[in-house]
Protein backbone atom coordinates (compact mmCIF):
# COMPACT_ATOMS: atom_id res chain seq x y z
CA MET A 1 33.44 93.32 -11.27
CA LYS A 2 35.30 92.76 -14.54
CA LYS A 3 32.32 93.84 -16.61
CA LYS A 4 31.95 97.01 -14.58
CA GLY A 5 35.65 97.80 -15.08
CA SER A 6 35.46 97.19 -18.81
CA ILE A 7 32.54 99.60 -19.10
CA LEU A 8 34.18 102.30 -16.97
CA SER A 9 37.50 102.18 -18.90
CA PRO A 10 36.16 103.90 -22.05
CA ILE A 11 34.45 106.47 -19.83
CA VAL A 12 37.76 107.30 -18.17
CA ILE A 13 39.45 107.54 -21.58
CA VAL A 14 36.73 109.90 -22.81
CA ALA A 15 37.12 112.08 -19.71
CA VAL A 16 40.89 112.29 -20.23
CA LEU A 17 40.48 113.16 -23.90
CA VAL A 18 37.91 115.84 -23.12
CA ALA A 19 40.29 117.35 -20.57
CA LEU A 20 43.13 117.19 -23.14
CA LEU A 21 40.92 118.84 -25.73
CA LEU A 22 40.02 121.65 -23.37
CA ILE A 23 43.66 122.17 -22.37
CA THR A 24 44.94 122.23 -25.94
CA GLY A 25 42.14 124.50 -26.98
CA THR A 26 42.96 126.94 -24.22
CA HIS A 27 46.66 126.76 -25.00
CA GLY A 28 46.01 127.43 -28.67
CA SER A 29 43.99 130.53 -27.97
CA SER A 30 46.60 131.94 -25.57
CA SER A 31 49.51 131.47 -27.96
CA GLY A 32 47.74 132.86 -30.91
CA GLY A 33 46.86 129.48 -32.51
CA SER A 34 50.14 127.72 -32.65
CA VAL A 35 50.51 124.82 -35.05
CA LEU A 36 51.29 122.33 -32.29
CA ALA A 37 48.19 123.21 -30.32
CA SER A 38 46.05 122.98 -33.44
CA THR A 39 47.48 119.56 -34.32
CA LEU A 40 47.00 118.22 -30.80
CA GLY A 41 43.44 119.55 -30.77
CA SER A 42 42.61 117.75 -34.02
CA ILE A 43 44.13 114.48 -32.76
CA ALA A 44 42.24 114.82 -29.49
CA LYS A 45 38.96 115.36 -31.34
CA ILE A 46 39.51 112.27 -33.48
CA LEU A 47 40.40 110.16 -30.47
CA LEU A 48 37.44 111.59 -28.57
CA TRP A 49 34.91 110.65 -31.24
CA GLY A 50 36.55 107.25 -31.62
CA ALA A 51 36.28 106.60 -27.91
CA VAL A 52 32.63 107.73 -27.88
CA LEU A 53 31.87 105.35 -30.76
CA ILE A 54 33.60 102.46 -28.96
CA LEU A 55 31.66 103.25 -25.79
CA ILE A 56 28.35 103.26 -27.66
CA LEU A 57 29.17 99.92 -29.33
CA LEU A 58 30.18 98.44 -25.98
CA ILE A 59 26.92 99.53 -24.38
CA VAL A 60 24.90 98.07 -27.27
CA PHE A 61 26.85 94.81 -27.01
CA VAL A 62 26.18 94.53 -23.27
CA VAL A 63 22.45 95.21 -23.77
CA VAL A 64 22.25 92.58 -26.53
CA VAL A 65 24.02 89.99 -24.35
CA ILE A 66 21.66 90.67 -21.42
CA ILE A 67 18.57 90.33 -23.65
CA SER A 68 19.93 87.13 -25.21
CA VAL A 69 20.66 85.53 -21.82
CA SER A 70 17.21 86.49 -20.56
CA ARG A 71 15.52 84.92 -23.59
CA ASP A 72 17.56 81.71 -23.29
CA SER A 73 16.65 81.44 -19.62
CA LYS A 74 12.93 81.86 -20.36
CA LYS A 75 13.13 79.26 -23.15
CA ALA A 76 14.84 76.78 -20.80
CA GLU A 77 12.21 77.33 -18.13
CA GLY A 78 9.47 76.86 -20.71
CA LYS A 79 10.96 73.57 -21.89
CA VAL A 80 11.25 72.23 -18.34
CA SER A 81 7.71 73.31 -17.54
CA GLY A 82 6.42 71.74 -20.74
CA LYS A 83 8.14 68.44 -19.95
CA GLU A 84 6.66 68.41 -16.45
CA ASP A 85 3.16 69.09 -17.80
CA LYS A 86 3.47 66.33 -20.37
CA THR A 87 4.74 63.91 -17.70
CA GLN A 88 1.77 64.69 -15.50
CA ASP A 89 -0.85 64.62 -18.26
CA LYS A 90 0.43 61.71 -20.34
CA GLN A 91 0.76 58.30 -18.83
CA ASP A 92 2.02 54.92 -20.04
CA THR A 93 -1.03 54.67 -22.28
CA GLY A 94 0.37 57.55 -24.34
CA ARG A 95 -2.80 59.62 -23.99
CA PRO A 96 -3.58 62.65 -21.83
CA LEU A 97 -5.88 62.28 -18.85
CA THR A 98 -9.43 63.53 -19.26
CA ALA A 99 -10.72 66.29 -17.01
CA GLU A 100 -12.86 63.74 -15.16
CA GLU A 101 -9.90 61.42 -14.59
CA GLN A 102 -7.74 64.30 -13.35
CA ALA A 103 -10.49 65.37 -10.94
CA ALA A 104 -10.90 61.81 -9.62
CA LEU A 105 -7.17 61.39 -8.97
CA LYS A 106 -6.91 64.84 -7.41
CA LYS A 107 -9.79 64.08 -5.06
CA GLY A 108 -8.21 60.75 -4.12
CA ALA A 109 -4.85 62.41 -3.40
CA HIS A 110 -6.53 65.06 -1.23
CA ASN A 111 -8.42 62.45 0.80
CA LEU A 112 -5.23 60.43 1.21
CA LEU A 113 -3.45 63.50 2.59
CA GLU A 114 -6.21 63.86 5.20
CA LEU A 115 -5.79 60.18 6.09
CA ARG A 116 -2.09 60.67 6.76
CA LYS A 117 -2.82 63.65 9.02
CA LEU A 118 -5.35 61.62 11.02
CA GLY A 119 -2.90 58.73 11.32
CA THR A 120 -0.25 60.92 12.93
CA SER A 121 -2.71 62.02 15.66
CA ILE A 122 -3.38 58.42 16.83
CA ARG A 123 -1.47 57.39 19.95
CA ASP A 124 -1.79 53.60 19.77
CA THR A 125 1.36 52.38 17.98
CA GLY A 126 -0.31 49.33 16.44
CA VAL A 127 -3.20 51.27 14.93
CA LYS A 128 -0.89 54.08 13.84
CA ARG A 129 1.40 51.61 12.06
CA GLY A 130 -1.56 49.84 10.45
CA SER A 131 -3.09 53.09 9.19
CA SER A 132 0.31 54.13 7.78
CA GLU A 133 0.61 50.84 5.87
CA ILE A 134 -2.90 51.26 4.49
CA CYS A 135 -2.06 54.80 3.36
CA LYS A 136 0.94 53.38 1.48
CA LEU A 137 -1.35 50.88 -0.27
CA PHE A 138 -3.78 53.66 -1.20
CA GLU A 139 -0.83 55.66 -2.55
CA ARG A 140 0.21 52.63 -4.59
CA THR A 141 -3.31 52.45 -6.01
CA LEU A 142 -3.13 56.09 -7.09
CA GLN A 143 0.28 55.50 -8.70
CA ILE A 144 -1.12 52.56 -10.69
CA LEU A 145 -4.10 54.61 -11.82
CA ARG A 146 -1.82 57.42 -12.99
CA GLN A 147 0.05 54.86 -15.09
CA LYS A 148 -3.12 53.08 -16.21
CA PRO A 149 -5.91 55.70 -16.40
CA ASP A 150 -8.14 53.22 -18.23
CA GLN A 151 -8.47 51.42 -14.88
CA ILE A 152 -9.83 54.47 -13.06
CA THR A 153 -13.38 53.39 -13.82
CA ASN A 154 -12.74 49.99 -12.24
CA ALA A 155 -11.22 51.63 -9.16
CA ARG A 156 -13.81 54.37 -8.74
CA GLN A 157 -15.20 52.62 -5.64
CA CYS A 158 -11.77 52.95 -4.05
CA LEU A 159 -11.49 56.65 -4.86
CA ASN A 160 -15.04 57.64 -3.98
CA TYR A 161 -15.79 55.30 -1.06
CA TYR A 162 -12.87 53.31 0.38
CA ILE A 163 -10.49 56.21 1.01
CA PRO A 164 -12.99 58.75 2.45
CA THR A 165 -14.80 56.10 4.54
CA PHE A 166 -11.54 54.87 6.02
CA GLY A 167 -10.82 58.49 6.91
CA GLU A 168 -14.13 58.73 8.79
CA ILE A 169 -13.30 55.54 10.70
CA LEU A 170 -9.89 56.89 11.70
CA GLU A 171 -11.47 60.16 12.78
CA LYS A 172 -13.97 58.38 15.04
CA TYR A 173 -11.22 56.17 16.47
CA GLN A 174 -9.05 59.20 17.24
CA ARG A 175 -11.98 60.90 18.97
CA LEU A 176 -12.72 57.83 21.10
CA GLU A 177 -9.04 57.40 21.93
CA SER A 178 -8.55 61.02 22.96
CA ASN A 179 -11.55 60.80 25.30
CA GLY A 180 -10.50 57.48 26.86
CA ALA A 181 -13.60 55.70 25.54
CA LEU A 182 -11.79 52.80 23.83
CA THR A 183 -11.80 49.31 25.34
CA GLU A 184 -9.28 46.57 24.71
CA ASP A 185 -11.92 44.57 22.83
CA MET A 186 -12.71 47.52 20.56
CA ASN A 187 -9.02 48.09 19.90
CA ALA A 188 -8.50 44.43 19.00
CA LYS A 189 -11.39 44.63 16.54
CA VAL A 190 -9.88 47.73 14.95
CA MET A 191 -6.54 45.96 14.54
CA LYS A 192 -8.28 43.01 12.87
CA TYR A 193 -10.17 45.42 10.63
CA LEU A 194 -6.91 47.09 9.55
CA GLU A 195 -5.42 43.72 8.58
CA ASP A 196 -8.50 42.91 6.50
CA ILE A 197 -8.31 46.29 4.76
CA LYS A 198 -4.63 45.76 3.90
CA ALA A 199 -5.37 42.36 2.39
CA ALA A 200 -8.25 43.79 0.36
CA LEU A 201 -6.15 46.68 -0.99
CA GLU A 202 -3.28 44.38 -1.94
CA LYS A 203 -5.77 42.28 -3.86
CA LEU A 204 -7.19 45.38 -5.54
CA ASN A 205 -3.76 46.59 -6.66
CA THR A 206 -2.99 43.17 -8.10
CA LYS A 207 -6.35 43.07 -9.84
CA LEU A 208 -5.58 46.32 -11.66
CA PHE A 209 -2.92 44.39 -13.62
CA GLU A 210 -5.19 41.47 -14.58
CA ASN A 211 -5.58 42.69 -18.16
CA ASP A 212 -1.80 42.95 -18.56
CA LYS A 213 -1.32 39.42 -17.22
CA LEU A 214 -4.00 38.07 -19.55
CA ASP A 215 -2.53 39.86 -22.56
CA MET A 216 0.94 38.55 -21.76
CA SER A 217 -0.37 34.96 -21.40
CA VAL A 218 -2.14 35.17 -24.77
CA GLU A 219 0.94 36.60 -26.49
CA MET A 220 3.23 33.95 -24.97
CA LYS A 221 0.87 31.18 -26.04
CA ALA A 222 0.56 32.57 -29.57
CA MET A 223 4.33 32.84 -29.88
CA SER A 224 4.89 29.29 -28.61
CA ILE A 225 2.40 28.01 -31.20
CA ALA A 226 4.31 29.88 -33.90
CA PHE A 227 7.57 28.28 -32.71
CA GLN A 228 6.00 24.82 -32.90
CA ARG A 229 4.53 25.47 -36.35
CA ASP A 230 7.96 26.49 -37.60
CA GLY A 231 9.53 23.37 -36.06
CA LEU A 232 11.65 25.37 -33.61
CA VAL A 233 10.41 23.73 -30.40
CA ASP A 234 9.04 20.37 -29.32
CA ASP A 235 5.38 20.22 -28.34
CA LYS A 236 6.42 18.21 -25.29
CA MET A 237 7.93 21.38 -23.85
CA GLY A 238 4.41 22.48 -23.01
CA LEU A 239 4.83 26.06 -24.12
CA THR A 240 1.21 26.20 -25.24
CA ASP A 241 0.15 25.59 -21.65
CA LEU A 242 1.75 28.80 -20.39
CA LYS A 243 -0.56 30.56 -17.98
CA LEU A 244 0.08 33.32 -15.47
């Protein structure tokens, strides 16, 4: 509202000056060109052109400000978008994901989404809870692979077989359940199967960090040897026997 008022003020001034100019001009012609009318007309013309110039400058200033704000906004959006892209493409390894790695993770995420949908359609609370826990473990696997894309090759069986096959099993279970074809024995076997799958996935997620654990053990052992060589620790401390 303030900006609108500041723009309209010069317009009002111009209108007043134009009216004054017309009045003084008319008065001058009726009185035979009196000195006062002539002087007022000259002053009015000067003020009129000054007001027009101020109005033009004000309009230019407003346009420049609008363009500048628009550019700054686009730059800010570009920076945020660029940061998000880099976060998605670059992982802890400091390198961008290859097209094949991106496709593998995308496929895994899509299959996991289908798993979650199937899980919500199951009525048995035990099976539903078990499938939800397994989905969380699969999600954890995907998170690890995003952080450690070099491990995607080692986890390809999980992405290409474990997740989609588990989805097929849930789909068949849901179909049997909805048609009342499940027996207590079958349900017990499914529950046991879910527990086995959870244990296997927990082991897989731990295995994806084996290289890190090995590297840390080697570095700790090397550093302890350096301490002993420099006479900073006693060999009886057993630092060289560090093992994770």
